[in-house]
Amino acid sequence: MPLAALLLAAYAWLRYGWASPGGPMGPAFLANKVLAMLALGALGRALAHRDVAVRARAGRAGIGLLLAHLALSPALLAPERYPKLYAHEAFTAACELALLAGALGAALLLRLHGPWTASHQRQARVALALATLHLGALGASGWLRPAAWPAGLPPLSLVGFLYGSFILADPLHRLRRPRRFPQATIPIQSAAPPAAQRMSFCPSQTSHWTAT
């Protein structure tokens, strides 16, 4: 994850800093972009990795990154930073859909605690679908105009949307392979046979074991 964070930070600086036509965005804006993408990546790892222990760690990391993203986002959601999300000083319908999907996805993730089970897996999958919808509603209006992309660099919302869609589509069929999840331990009692047998050494037959 440190390497992914560095690569995302470098790309965010190029896309929203160095190449931004309206001037570079501030560090909080760039950090929030990176946090959102890292949270999405951790959620995808929690779904796609075959090791349940790795899934659990990735899921917890995703929740922590999500909390940081949620803490920064309200302060950054201003018309000068996101003009396409506002119409006549009010949120557009797409923005409200994005906020709703993000809130529902966050609520699902924050419910996940304890050992990573099949139930966690299903809820994380729904949360990833909501996060992908969140990104689509936020950025789709700018995806179809690549000529307007600064320096030809696609927005991170498109990158995240494609990543989430890839994990949800599961083209490699990794998510449908059977996996072991923690289950309740069921005590197993050993039952003795109806007629208890014991083995003894018979003096008359020095080379055989007999049951009495």
N, C-alpha and C. Protein backbone atom coordinates (compact mmCIF):
# COMPACT_ATOMS: atom_id res chain seq x y z
N MET A 1 0.81 -1.22 0.00
CA MET A 1 0.00 0.00 0.00
C MET A 1 0.85 1.28 0.00
N PRO A 2 2.02 1.33 0.66
CA PRO A 2 2.82 2.56 0.57
C PRO A 2 3.19 2.92 -0.86
N LEU A 3 3.54 1.92 -1.68
CA LEU A 3 3.88 2.21 -3.08
C LEU A 3 2.66 2.73 -3.82
N ALA A 4 1.50 2.13 -3.58
CA ALA A 4 0.27 2.60 -4.23
C ALA A 4 -0.04 4.03 -3.81
N ALA A 5 0.18 4.35 -2.54
CA ALA A 5 -0.08 5.71 -2.07
C ALA A 5 0.85 6.71 -2.75
N LEU A 6 2.13 6.34 -2.92
CA LEU A 6 3.07 7.24 -3.58
C LEU A 6 2.70 7.45 -5.05
N LEU A 7 2.33 6.37 -5.73
CA LEU A 7 1.95 6.49 -7.15
C LEU A 7 0.69 7.33 -7.30
N LEU A 8 -0.29 7.10 -6.43
CA LEU A 8 -1.52 7.89 -6.50
C LEU A 8 -1.25 9.36 -6.18
N ALA A 9 -0.40 9.60 -5.19
CA ALA A 9 -0.08 10.99 -4.85
C ALA A 9 0.61 11.69 -6.01
N ALA A 10 1.53 10.98 -6.68
CA ALA A 10 2.21 11.58 -7.83
C ALA A 10 1.23 11.87 -8.96
N TYR A 11 0.33 10.93 -9.21
CA TYR A 11 -0.64 11.15 -10.29
C TYR A 11 -1.59 12.29 -9.93
N ALA A 12 -2.05 12.32 -8.67
CA ALA A 12 -2.96 13.39 -8.25
C ALA A 12 -2.29 14.75 -8.39
N TRP A 13 -0.98 14.83 -8.05
CA TRP A 13 -0.29 16.10 -8.19
C TRP A 13 -0.17 16.51 -9.66
N LEU A 14 0.10 15.54 -10.54
CA LEU A 14 0.19 15.84 -11.97
C LEU A 14 -1.16 16.29 -12.52
N ARG A 15 -2.21 15.55 -12.15
CA ARG A 15 -3.53 15.80 -12.75
C ARG A 15 -4.20 17.04 -12.17
N TYR A 16 -4.14 17.19 -10.86
CA TYR A 16 -4.88 18.28 -10.21
C TYR A 16 -3.98 19.41 -9.70
N GLY A 17 -2.67 19.25 -9.88
CA GLY A 17 -1.75 20.28 -9.46
C GLY A 17 -1.01 20.89 -10.63
N TRP A 18 -0.03 20.17 -11.13
CA TRP A 18 0.82 20.68 -12.21
C TRP A 18 0.03 21.00 -13.48
N ALA A 19 -0.93 20.12 -13.88
CA ALA A 19 -1.64 20.31 -15.14
C ALA A 19 -2.99 21.01 -14.98
N SER A 20 -3.36 21.36 -13.78
CA SER A 20 -4.67 21.97 -13.57
C SER A 20 -4.75 23.35 -14.22
N PRO A 21 -5.73 23.57 -15.12
CA PRO A 21 -5.80 24.87 -15.80
C PRO A 21 -6.18 26.02 -14.87
N GLY A 22 -6.88 25.73 -13.80
CA GLY A 22 -7.29 26.79 -12.88
C GLY A 22 -6.33 27.00 -11.74
N GLY A 23 -5.13 26.44 -11.85
CA GLY A 23 -4.17 26.55 -10.76
C GLY A 23 -4.17 25.29 -9.92
N PRO A 24 -3.08 24.98 -9.25
CA PRO A 24 -3.00 23.74 -8.47
C PRO A 24 -3.96 23.75 -7.28
N MET A 25 -4.52 22.58 -7.04
CA MET A 25 -5.37 22.39 -5.87
C MET A 25 -4.50 22.26 -4.62
N GLY A 26 -5.11 22.50 -3.47
CA GLY A 26 -4.38 22.45 -2.22
C GLY A 26 -4.06 21.04 -1.77
N PRO A 27 -3.20 20.89 -0.77
CA PRO A 27 -2.80 19.56 -0.30
C PRO A 27 -3.95 18.74 0.26
N ALA A 28 -4.92 19.40 0.90
CA ALA A 28 -6.05 18.64 1.44
C ALA A 28 -6.89 18.03 0.31
N PHE A 29 -7.09 18.78 -0.75
CA PHE A 29 -7.83 18.27 -1.91
C PHE A 29 -7.11 17.07 -2.51
N LEU A 30 -5.80 17.19 -2.71
CA LEU A 30 -5.03 16.09 -3.29
C LEU A 30 -5.02 14.87 -2.36
N ALA A 31 -4.86 15.12 -1.05
CA ALA A 31 -4.85 14.01 -0.10
C ALA A 31 -6.20 13.30 -0.08
N ASN A 32 -7.27 14.04 -0.23
CA ASN A 32 -8.60 13.43 -0.21
C ASN A 32 -8.80 12.53 -1.42
N LYS A 33 -8.27 12.94 -2.57
CA LYS A 33 -8.33 12.10 -3.76
C LYS A 33 -7.58 10.79 -3.53
N VAL A 34 -6.40 10.90 -2.96
CA VAL A 34 -5.59 9.72 -2.70
C VAL A 34 -6.27 8.80 -1.70
N LEU A 35 -6.82 9.36 -0.64
CA LEU A 35 -7.50 8.56 0.38
C LEU A 35 -8.68 7.80 -0.22
N ALA A 36 -9.45 8.47 -1.08
CA ALA A 36 -10.61 7.82 -1.70
C ALA A 36 -10.17 6.64 -2.56
N MET A 37 -9.12 6.82 -3.36
CA MET A 37 -8.66 5.74 -4.22
C MET A 37 -8.05 4.59 -3.43
N LEU A 38 -7.32 4.92 -2.36
CA LEU A 38 -6.75 3.87 -1.52
C LEU A 38 -7.85 3.07 -0.82
N ALA A 39 -8.90 3.76 -0.36
CA ALA A 39 -10.02 3.05 0.27
C ALA A 39 -10.69 2.12 -0.73
N LEU A 40 -10.87 2.58 -1.96
CA LEU A 40 -11.47 1.74 -3.00
C LEU A 40 -10.59 0.54 -3.30
N GLY A 41 -9.27 0.77 -3.38
CA GLY A 41 -8.36 -0.33 -3.64
C GLY A 41 -8.36 -1.36 -2.52
N ALA A 42 -8.40 -0.89 -1.27
CA ALA A 42 -8.44 -1.81 -0.13
C ALA A 42 -9.72 -2.63 -0.14
N LEU A 43 -10.82 -2.00 -0.52
CA LEU A 43 -12.09 -2.72 -0.58
C LEU A 43 -12.05 -3.79 -1.67
N GLY A 44 -11.47 -3.44 -2.82
CA GLY A 44 -11.32 -4.43 -3.88
C GLY A 44 -10.44 -5.59 -3.45
N ARG A 45 -9.38 -5.30 -2.73
CA ARG A 45 -8.50 -6.36 -2.23
C ARG A 45 -9.23 -7.24 -1.22
N ALA A 46 -10.06 -6.63 -0.40
CA ALA A 46 -10.83 -7.40 0.57
C ALA A 46 -11.80 -8.35 -0.12
N LEU A 47 -12.20 -8.04 -1.33
CA LEU A 47 -13.11 -8.91 -2.06
C LEU A 47 -12.38 -9.95 -2.90
N ALA A 48 -11.25 -9.57 -3.49
CA ALA A 48 -10.64 -10.43 -4.51
C ALA A 48 -9.55 -11.35 -3.99
N HIS A 49 -8.94 -11.04 -2.85
CA HIS A 49 -7.83 -11.86 -2.39
C HIS A 49 -8.34 -13.20 -1.89
N ARG A 50 -7.57 -14.26 -2.10
CA ARG A 50 -8.00 -15.60 -1.72
C ARG A 50 -7.79 -15.88 -0.23
N ASP A 51 -6.88 -15.17 0.40
CA ASP A 51 -6.58 -15.40 1.81
C ASP A 51 -7.55 -14.58 2.67
N VAL A 52 -8.29 -15.26 3.53
CA VAL A 52 -9.29 -14.58 4.35
C VAL A 52 -8.62 -13.61 5.32
N ALA A 53 -7.44 -13.94 5.82
CA ALA A 53 -6.74 -13.04 6.74
C ALA A 53 -6.36 -11.74 6.02
N VAL A 54 -5.91 -11.85 4.79
CA VAL A 54 -5.57 -10.66 4.01
C VAL A 54 -6.83 -9.84 3.75
N ARG A 55 -7.91 -10.50 3.48
CA ARG A 55 -9.18 -9.79 3.27
C ARG A 55 -9.57 -8.99 4.50
N ALA A 56 -9.45 -9.60 5.65
CA ALA A 56 -9.83 -8.91 6.88
C ALA A 56 -8.96 -7.68 7.10
N ARG A 57 -7.65 -7.81 6.87
CA ARG A 57 -6.77 -6.65 7.05
C ARG A 57 -7.09 -5.56 6.03
N ALA A 58 -7.33 -5.97 4.80
CA ALA A 58 -7.66 -4.98 3.76
C ALA A 58 -8.98 -4.29 4.06
N GLY A 59 -9.96 -5.05 4.57
CA GLY A 59 -11.24 -4.45 4.91
C GLY A 59 -11.12 -3.43 6.02
N ARG A 60 -10.32 -3.75 7.04
CA ARG A 60 -10.13 -2.79 8.14
C ARG A 60 -9.36 -1.56 7.66
N ALA A 61 -8.36 -1.77 6.80
CA ALA A 61 -7.63 -0.63 6.25
C ALA A 61 -8.56 0.26 5.42
N GLY A 62 -9.44 -0.39 4.65
CA GLY A 62 -10.39 0.38 3.84
C GLY A 62 -11.32 1.22 4.70
N ILE A 63 -11.75 0.69 5.83
CA ILE A 63 -12.63 1.44 6.73
C ILE A 63 -11.90 2.65 7.30
N GLY A 64 -10.63 2.46 7.70
CA GLY A 64 -9.86 3.58 8.22
C GLY A 64 -9.65 4.68 7.18
N LEU A 65 -9.33 4.28 5.97
CA LEU A 65 -9.14 5.26 4.88
C LEU A 65 -10.46 5.95 4.56
N LEU A 66 -11.54 5.20 4.62
CA LEU A 66 -12.85 5.80 4.36
C LEU A 66 -13.19 6.87 5.39
N LEU A 67 -12.90 6.60 6.67
CA LEU A 67 -13.17 7.58 7.71
C LEU A 67 -12.39 8.87 7.47
N ALA A 68 -11.13 8.73 7.04
CA ALA A 68 -10.34 9.92 6.74
C ALA A 68 -10.94 10.68 5.55
N HIS A 69 -11.40 9.95 4.55
CA HIS A 69 -12.03 10.57 3.38
C HIS A 69 -13.31 11.30 3.78
N LEU A 70 -14.10 10.67 4.65
CA LEU A 70 -15.34 11.30 5.11
C LEU A 70 -15.07 12.55 5.95
N ALA A 71 -13.97 12.54 6.68
CA ALA A 71 -13.65 13.71 7.50
C ALA A 71 -13.24 14.91 6.65
N LEU A 72 -12.56 14.67 5.52
CA LEU A 72 -12.08 15.76 4.69
C LEU A 72 -13.12 16.27 3.69
N SER A 73 -13.95 15.37 3.21
CA SER A 73 -14.83 15.72 2.09
C SER A 73 -15.77 16.89 2.34
N PRO A 74 -16.47 16.96 3.47
CA PRO A 74 -17.41 18.08 3.66
C PRO A 74 -16.76 19.45 3.57
N ALA A 75 -15.53 19.57 4.06
CA ALA A 75 -14.86 20.87 4.03
C ALA A 75 -14.41 21.25 2.62
N LEU A 76 -14.27 20.25 1.75
CA LEU A 76 -13.77 20.51 0.39
C LEU A 76 -14.88 20.63 -0.64
N LEU A 77 -16.09 20.29 -0.25
CA LEU A 77 -17.20 20.26 -1.22
C LEU A 77 -17.74 21.67 -1.42
N ALA A 78 -16.99 22.46 -2.19
CA ALA A 78 -17.35 23.86 -2.43
C ALA A 78 -17.50 24.09 -3.93
N PRO A 79 -18.32 25.07 -4.34
CA PRO A 79 -18.54 25.31 -5.78
C PRO A 79 -17.27 25.63 -6.55
N GLU A 80 -16.31 26.30 -5.92
CA GLU A 80 -15.09 26.65 -6.65
C GLU A 80 -14.22 25.44 -6.94
N ARG A 81 -14.38 24.39 -6.15
CA ARG A 81 -13.62 23.16 -6.40
C ARG A 81 -14.39 22.19 -7.26
N TYR A 82 -15.70 22.12 -7.11
CA TYR A 82 -16.53 21.19 -7.87
C TYR A 82 -17.67 21.96 -8.53
N PRO A 83 -17.38 22.81 -9.50
CA PRO A 83 -18.46 23.62 -10.10
C PRO A 83 -19.52 22.78 -10.81
N LYS A 84 -19.13 21.61 -11.34
CA LYS A 84 -20.11 20.81 -12.08
C LYS A 84 -21.13 20.13 -11.16
N LEU A 85 -20.89 20.17 -9.85
CA LEU A 85 -21.83 19.57 -8.91
C LEU A 85 -22.89 20.55 -8.43
N TYR A 86 -22.82 21.79 -8.89
CA TYR A 86 -23.74 22.82 -8.43
C TYR A 86 -24.49 23.42 -9.61
N ALA A 87 -25.75 23.77 -9.37
CA ALA A 87 -26.58 24.48 -10.33
C ALA A 87 -27.41 25.49 -9.55
N HIS A 88 -27.20 26.78 -9.82
CA HIS A 88 -27.91 27.83 -9.12
C HIS A 88 -27.71 27.71 -7.61
N GLU A 89 -26.45 27.51 -7.22
CA GLU A 89 -26.03 27.46 -5.81
C GLU A 89 -26.66 26.31 -5.04
N ALA A 90 -27.08 25.28 -5.75
CA ALA A 90 -27.63 24.09 -5.09
C ALA A 90 -27.01 22.85 -5.75
N PHE A 91 -27.03 21.73 -5.03
CA PHE A 91 -26.50 20.50 -5.59
C PHE A 91 -27.33 20.07 -6.79
N THR A 92 -26.66 19.49 -7.78
CA THR A 92 -27.36 18.88 -8.90
C THR A 92 -27.90 17.52 -8.46
N ALA A 93 -28.77 16.95 -9.30
CA ALA A 93 -29.31 15.63 -8.99
C ALA A 93 -28.20 14.57 -8.96
N ALA A 94 -27.23 14.72 -9.86
CA ALA A 94 -26.12 13.77 -9.89
C ALA A 94 -25.31 13.85 -8.60
N CYS A 95 -25.11 15.06 -8.11
CA CYS A 95 -24.37 15.22 -6.86
C CYS A 95 -25.12 14.59 -5.69
N GLU A 96 -26.42 14.79 -5.63
CA GLU A 96 -27.20 14.20 -4.54
C GLU A 96 -27.19 12.67 -4.62
N LEU A 97 -27.24 12.13 -5.86
CA LEU A 97 -27.13 10.68 -6.01
C LEU A 97 -25.78 10.19 -5.53
N ALA A 98 -24.72 10.92 -5.86
CA ALA A 98 -23.37 10.53 -5.42
C ALA A 98 -23.27 10.55 -3.90
N LEU A 99 -23.82 11.59 -3.27
CA LEU A 99 -23.76 11.68 -1.81
C LEU A 99 -24.56 10.57 -1.15
N LEU A 100 -25.71 10.25 -1.72
CA LEU A 100 -26.53 9.17 -1.17
C LEU A 100 -25.82 7.83 -1.28
N ALA A 101 -25.27 7.54 -2.46
CA ALA A 101 -24.56 6.26 -2.65
C ALA A 101 -23.35 6.18 -1.73
N GLY A 102 -22.61 7.28 -1.60
CA GLY A 102 -21.46 7.28 -0.71
C GLY A 102 -21.83 7.06 0.74
N ALA A 103 -22.91 7.70 1.18
CA ALA A 103 -23.34 7.55 2.56
C ALA A 103 -23.79 6.12 2.85
N LEU A 104 -24.54 5.52 1.92
CA LEU A 104 -25.00 4.14 2.13
C LEU A 104 -23.83 3.16 2.13
N GLY A 105 -22.89 3.36 1.21
CA GLY A 105 -21.71 2.50 1.18
C GLY A 105 -20.89 2.61 2.45
N ALA A 106 -20.71 3.83 2.93
CA ALA A 106 -19.96 4.03 4.17
C ALA A 106 -20.67 3.38 5.36
N ALA A 107 -22.00 3.50 5.39
CA ALA A 107 -22.75 2.89 6.49
C ALA A 107 -22.57 1.37 6.50
N LEU A 108 -22.55 0.76 5.32
CA LEU A 108 -22.35 -0.68 5.24
C LEU A 108 -20.96 -1.07 5.74
N LEU A 109 -19.95 -0.33 5.30
CA LEU A 109 -18.58 -0.66 5.70
C LEU A 109 -18.38 -0.49 7.20
N LEU A 110 -18.98 0.53 7.78
CA LEU A 110 -18.79 0.78 9.20
C LEU A 110 -19.47 -0.27 10.07
N ARG A 111 -20.34 -1.08 9.47
CA ARG A 111 -20.99 -2.17 10.22
C ARG A 111 -20.10 -3.41 10.29
N LEU A 112 -19.05 -3.46 9.49
CA LEU A 112 -18.22 -4.66 9.42
C LEU A 112 -17.23 -4.68 10.57
N HIS A 113 -17.33 -5.68 11.41
CA HIS A 113 -16.39 -5.84 12.52
C HIS A 113 -16.32 -7.31 12.86
N GLY A 114 -15.30 -7.66 13.61
CA GLY A 114 -15.11 -9.07 13.97
C GLY A 114 -14.44 -9.84 12.85
N PRO A 115 -14.40 -11.17 12.93
CA PRO A 115 -13.77 -12.00 11.90
C PRO A 115 -14.44 -11.79 10.54
N TRP A 116 -13.65 -11.87 9.49
CA TRP A 116 -14.17 -11.68 8.13
C TRP A 116 -14.92 -12.93 7.70
N THR A 117 -16.23 -12.81 7.50
CA THR A 117 -17.07 -13.96 7.18
C THR A 117 -17.71 -13.77 5.81
N ALA A 118 -18.52 -14.76 5.41
CA ALA A 118 -19.22 -14.66 4.13
C ALA A 118 -20.19 -13.49 4.14
N SER A 119 -20.77 -13.17 5.29
CA SER A 119 -21.66 -12.02 5.39
C SER A 119 -20.90 -10.71 5.15
N HIS A 120 -19.69 -10.61 5.72
CA HIS A 120 -18.85 -9.45 5.46
C HIS A 120 -18.57 -9.32 3.96
N GLN A 121 -18.31 -10.46 3.34
CA GLN A 121 -18.00 -10.46 1.91
C GLN A 121 -19.15 -9.90 1.09
N ARG A 122 -20.37 -10.33 1.41
CA ARG A 122 -21.54 -9.84 0.66
C ARG A 122 -21.74 -8.34 0.88
N GLN A 123 -21.62 -7.91 2.13
CA GLN A 123 -21.81 -6.48 2.41
C GLN A 123 -20.72 -5.62 1.76
N ALA A 124 -19.49 -6.13 1.75
CA ALA A 124 -18.41 -5.38 1.11
C ALA A 124 -18.64 -5.27 -0.39
N ARG A 125 -19.21 -6.29 -0.97
CA ARG A 125 -19.49 -6.25 -2.41
C ARG A 125 -20.54 -5.19 -2.72
N VAL A 126 -21.58 -5.12 -1.89
CA VAL A 126 -22.60 -4.08 -2.08
C VAL A 126 -21.99 -2.71 -1.86
N ALA A 127 -21.13 -2.58 -0.86
CA ALA A 127 -20.48 -1.29 -0.60
C ALA A 127 -19.60 -0.86 -1.77
N LEU A 128 -18.92 -1.83 -2.40
CA LEU A 128 -18.10 -1.49 -3.56
C LEU A 128 -18.99 -1.03 -4.72
N ALA A 129 -20.14 -1.68 -4.90
CA ALA A 129 -21.06 -1.24 -5.95
C ALA A 129 -21.54 0.19 -5.70
N LEU A 130 -21.83 0.50 -4.44
CA LEU A 130 -22.27 1.87 -4.11
C LEU A 130 -21.13 2.88 -4.29
N ALA A 131 -19.91 2.48 -3.95
CA ALA A 131 -18.77 3.38 -4.14
C ALA A 131 -18.54 3.64 -5.63
N THR A 132 -18.72 2.61 -6.45
CA THR A 132 -18.56 2.78 -7.89
C THR A 132 -19.64 3.70 -8.44
N LEU A 133 -20.86 3.55 -7.96
CA LEU A 133 -21.94 4.45 -8.35
C LEU A 133 -21.63 5.88 -7.90
N HIS A 134 -21.09 6.01 -6.71
CA HIS A 134 -20.69 7.32 -6.17
C HIS A 134 -19.71 8.02 -7.12
N LEU A 135 -18.72 7.28 -7.57
CA LEU A 135 -17.73 7.86 -8.48
C LEU A 135 -18.34 8.19 -9.83
N GLY A 136 -19.22 7.31 -10.30
CA GLY A 136 -19.85 7.56 -11.59
C GLY A 136 -20.72 8.81 -11.58
N ALA A 137 -21.50 8.96 -10.52
CA ALA A 137 -22.36 10.14 -10.43
C ALA A 137 -21.55 11.42 -10.28
N LEU A 138 -20.41 11.33 -9.61
CA LEU A 138 -19.58 12.53 -9.42
C LEU A 138 -18.87 12.97 -10.70
N GLY A 139 -18.35 12.01 -11.45
CA GLY A 139 -17.45 12.39 -12.52
C GLY A 139 -17.87 12.09 -13.94
N ALA A 140 -19.01 11.42 -14.14
CA ALA A 140 -19.36 10.97 -15.49
C ALA A 140 -19.50 12.11 -16.48
N SER A 141 -19.90 13.27 -16.02
CA SER A 141 -20.12 14.38 -16.94
C SER A 141 -18.83 14.83 -17.62
N GLY A 142 -17.69 14.55 -17.01
CA GLY A 142 -16.42 14.96 -17.62
C GLY A 142 -15.67 13.84 -18.31
N TRP A 143 -16.17 12.61 -18.20
CA TRP A 143 -15.46 11.48 -18.78
C TRP A 143 -15.53 11.46 -20.31
N LEU A 144 -16.61 11.97 -20.86
CA LEU A 144 -16.82 11.86 -22.31
C LEU A 144 -16.19 13.03 -23.07
N ARG A 145 -15.42 13.85 -22.39
CA ARG A 145 -14.74 14.98 -23.05
C ARG A 145 -13.23 14.89 -22.80
N PRO A 146 -12.59 13.86 -23.37
CA PRO A 146 -11.15 13.70 -23.11
C PRO A 146 -10.31 14.87 -23.60
N ALA A 147 -10.82 15.63 -24.57
CA ALA A 147 -10.06 16.78 -25.03
C ALA A 147 -9.90 17.83 -23.94
N ALA A 148 -10.81 17.80 -22.96
CA ALA A 148 -10.75 18.78 -21.87
C ALA A 148 -9.93 18.29 -20.69
N TRP A 149 -9.42 17.06 -20.74
CA TRP A 149 -8.62 16.55 -19.64
C TRP A 149 -7.28 17.28 -19.61
N PRO A 150 -6.86 17.80 -18.47
CA PRO A 150 -5.57 18.48 -18.38
C PRO A 150 -4.42 17.54 -18.77
N ALA A 151 -3.64 17.97 -19.74
CA ALA A 151 -2.49 17.20 -20.24
C ALA A 151 -2.89 15.80 -20.70
N GLY A 152 -4.18 15.62 -21.03
CA GLY A 152 -4.65 14.31 -21.48
C GLY A 152 -4.74 13.27 -20.39
N LEU A 153 -4.67 13.68 -19.13
CA LEU A 153 -4.70 12.74 -18.00
C LEU A 153 -6.15 12.51 -17.57
N PRO A 154 -6.61 11.25 -17.56
CA PRO A 154 -7.99 10.98 -17.14
C PRO A 154 -8.18 11.28 -15.66
N PRO A 155 -9.39 11.68 -15.27
CA PRO A 155 -9.65 11.96 -13.85
C PRO A 155 -9.59 10.68 -13.01
N LEU A 156 -9.24 10.85 -11.75
CA LEU A 156 -9.17 9.69 -10.86
C LEU A 156 -10.53 9.05 -10.65
N SER A 157 -11.59 9.83 -10.79
CA SER A 157 -12.93 9.23 -10.64
C SER A 157 -13.17 8.18 -11.72
N LEU A 158 -12.68 8.41 -12.93
CA LEU A 158 -12.81 7.42 -14.00
C LEU A 158 -11.95 6.20 -13.73
N VAL A 159 -10.73 6.42 -13.25
CA VAL A 159 -9.85 5.30 -12.91
C VAL A 159 -10.50 4.43 -11.83
N GLY A 160 -11.02 5.08 -10.79
CA GLY A 160 -11.66 4.32 -9.72
C GLY A 160 -12.92 3.61 -10.19
N PHE A 161 -13.70 4.25 -11.05
CA PHE A 161 -14.92 3.63 -11.57
C PHE A 161 -14.59 2.37 -12.37
N LEU A 162 -13.56 2.44 -13.20
CA LEU A 162 -13.16 1.28 -14.00
C LEU A 162 -12.64 0.16 -13.11
N TYR A 163 -11.89 0.53 -12.08
CA TYR A 163 -11.38 -0.48 -11.15
C TYR A 163 -12.53 -1.18 -10.42
N GLY A 164 -13.46 -0.38 -9.88
CA GLY A 164 -14.59 -0.98 -9.17
C GLY A 164 -15.44 -1.84 -10.08
N SER A 165 -15.65 -1.40 -11.31
CA SER A 165 -16.44 -2.19 -12.26
C SER A 165 -15.74 -3.50 -12.59
N PHE A 166 -14.41 -3.46 -12.70
CA PHE A 166 -13.64 -4.68 -12.99
C PHE A 166 -13.80 -5.70 -11.87
N ILE A 167 -13.67 -5.24 -10.63
CA ILE A 167 -13.81 -6.16 -9.50
C ILE A 167 -15.23 -6.72 -9.43
N LEU A 168 -16.23 -5.87 -9.66
CA LEU A 168 -17.61 -6.33 -9.59
C LEU A 168 -17.95 -7.29 -10.72
N ALA A 169 -17.41 -7.03 -11.92
CA ALA A 169 -17.67 -7.92 -13.05
C ALA A 169 -16.97 -9.26 -12.88
N ASP A 170 -15.83 -9.26 -12.17
CA ASP A 170 -15.09 -10.48 -11.86
C ASP A 170 -14.81 -11.30 -13.11
N PRO A 171 -14.09 -10.76 -14.08
CA PRO A 171 -13.87 -11.52 -15.32
C PRO A 171 -13.02 -12.77 -15.13
N LEU A 172 -12.22 -12.81 -14.07
CA LEU A 172 -11.37 -13.98 -13.82
C LEU A 172 -12.04 -15.01 -12.93
N HIS A 173 -13.29 -14.75 -12.54
CA HIS A 173 -14.08 -15.67 -11.71
C HIS A 173 -13.40 -15.96 -10.37
N ARG A 174 -12.65 -15.00 -9.87
CA ARG A 174 -11.98 -15.22 -8.59
C ARG A 174 -12.95 -15.15 -7.43
N LEU A 175 -13.98 -14.31 -7.54
CA LEU A 175 -14.89 -14.11 -6.40
C LEU A 175 -15.86 -15.26 -6.23
N ARG A 176 -15.98 -16.12 -7.25
CA ARG A 176 -16.94 -17.22 -7.14
C ARG A 176 -16.28 -18.53 -6.75
N ARG A 177 -14.98 -18.52 -6.56
CA ARG A 177 -14.32 -19.73 -6.09
C ARG A 177 -14.65 -19.96 -4.63
N PRO A 178 -14.83 -21.21 -4.24
CA PRO A 178 -15.12 -21.47 -2.82
C PRO A 178 -13.94 -21.07 -1.95
N ARG A 179 -14.26 -20.44 -0.85
CA ARG A 179 -13.25 -20.01 0.11
C ARG A 179 -13.71 -20.38 1.51
N ARG A 180 -12.78 -20.51 2.38
CA ARG A 180 -13.12 -20.85 3.77
C ARG A 180 -13.26 -19.58 4.57
N PHE A 181 -14.35 -19.49 5.29
CA PHE A 181 -14.59 -18.37 6.18
C PHE A 181 -14.69 -18.89 7.60
N PRO A 182 -14.38 -18.07 8.59
CA PRO A 182 -14.50 -18.50 9.99
C PRO A 182 -15.93 -18.91 10.30
N GLN A 183 -16.09 -20.04 10.93
CA GLN A 183 -17.41 -20.54 11.31
C GLN A 183 -17.40 -20.89 12.79
N ALA A 184 -18.61 -21.00 13.34
CA ALA A 184 -18.73 -21.37 14.75
C ALA A 184 -18.15 -22.76 14.97
N THR A 185 -17.41 -22.91 16.02
CA THR A 185 -16.81 -24.21 16.32
C THR A 185 -17.85 -25.13 16.93
N ILE A 186 -18.01 -26.31 16.34
CA ILE A 186 -18.98 -27.29 16.83
C ILE A 186 -18.22 -28.40 17.53
N PRO A 187 -18.44 -28.57 18.83
CA PRO A 187 -17.71 -29.63 19.53
C PRO A 187 -18.10 -31.00 19.02
N ILE A 188 -17.12 -31.87 18.85
CA ILE A 188 -17.36 -33.22 18.36
C ILE A 188 -17.08 -34.18 19.50
N GLN A 189 -18.09 -34.97 19.84
CA GLN A 189 -17.95 -35.93 20.92
C GLN A 189 -17.69 -37.31 20.32
N SER A 190 -16.70 -37.99 20.86
CA SER A 190 -16.40 -39.33 20.37
C SER A 190 -17.31 -40.32 21.07
N ALA A 191 -18.02 -41.09 20.27
CA ALA A 191 -18.96 -42.07 20.82
C ALA A 191 -18.28 -43.43 20.90
N ALA A 192 -18.40 -44.08 22.00
CA ALA A 192 -17.82 -45.41 22.16
C ALA A 192 -18.71 -46.43 21.49
N PRO A 193 -18.18 -47.52 20.98
CA PRO A 193 -19.02 -48.56 20.36
C PRO A 193 -19.96 -49.16 21.39
N PRO A 194 -21.08 -49.76 20.94
CA PRO A 194 -22.07 -50.31 21.88
C PRO A 194 -21.46 -51.25 22.89
N ALA A 195 -20.64 -52.11 22.40
CA ALA A 195 -19.99 -53.04 23.33
C ALA A 195 -18.54 -52.61 23.45
N ALA A 196 -18.22 -52.01 24.56
CA ALA A 196 -16.85 -51.51 24.73
C ALA A 196 -15.87 -52.66 24.70
N GLN A 197 -14.85 -52.44 23.93
CA GLN A 197 -13.84 -53.49 23.80
C GLN A 197 -12.54 -52.98 24.40
N ARG A 198 -11.81 -53.89 24.95
CA ARG A 198 -10.49 -53.54 25.42
C ARG A 198 -9.53 -54.63 24.96
N MET A 199 -8.35 -54.26 24.69
CA MET A 199 -7.36 -55.17 24.16
C MET A 199 -6.48 -55.65 25.31
N SER A 200 -6.27 -56.95 25.34
CA SER A 200 -5.39 -57.51 26.36
C SER A 200 -4.51 -58.57 25.72
N PHE A 201 -3.44 -58.85 26.40
CA PHE A 201 -2.51 -59.84 25.89
C PHE A 201 -2.86 -61.19 26.48
N CYS A 202 -3.10 -62.17 25.60
CA CYS A 202 -3.51 -63.50 26.05
C CYS A 202 -2.26 -64.36 26.24
N PRO A 203 -2.02 -64.84 27.47
CA PRO A 203 -0.81 -65.63 27.72
C PRO A 203 -0.75 -66.89 26.88
N SER A 204 -1.96 -67.47 26.59
CA SER A 204 -1.96 -68.75 25.86
C SER A 204 -1.56 -68.56 24.41
N GLN A 205 -1.71 -67.34 23.88
CA GLN A 205 -1.34 -67.08 22.52
C GLN A 205 -0.35 -65.93 22.54
N THR A 206 0.88 -66.23 22.63
CA THR A 206 1.91 -65.22 22.85
C THR A 206 2.10 -64.31 21.67
N SER A 207 1.57 -64.67 20.50
CA SER A 207 1.84 -63.84 19.33
C SER A 207 0.61 -63.14 18.81
N HIS A 208 -0.51 -63.14 19.59
CA HIS A 208 -1.74 -62.52 19.10
C HIS A 208 -2.34 -61.60 20.17
N TRP A 209 -3.02 -60.55 19.69
CA TRP A 209 -3.83 -59.68 20.55
C TRP A 209 -5.27 -60.11 20.40
N THR A 210 -5.98 -60.23 21.51
CA THR A 210 -7.39 -60.62 21.45
C THR A 210 -8.22 -59.60 22.19
N ALA A 211 -9.49 -59.46 21.80
CA ALA A 211 -10.42 -58.55 22.45
C ALA A 211 -11.28 -59.33 23.40
N THR A 212 -11.44 -58.86 24.66
CA THR A 212 -12.29 -59.52 25.65
C THR A 212 -13.42 -58.60 26.04
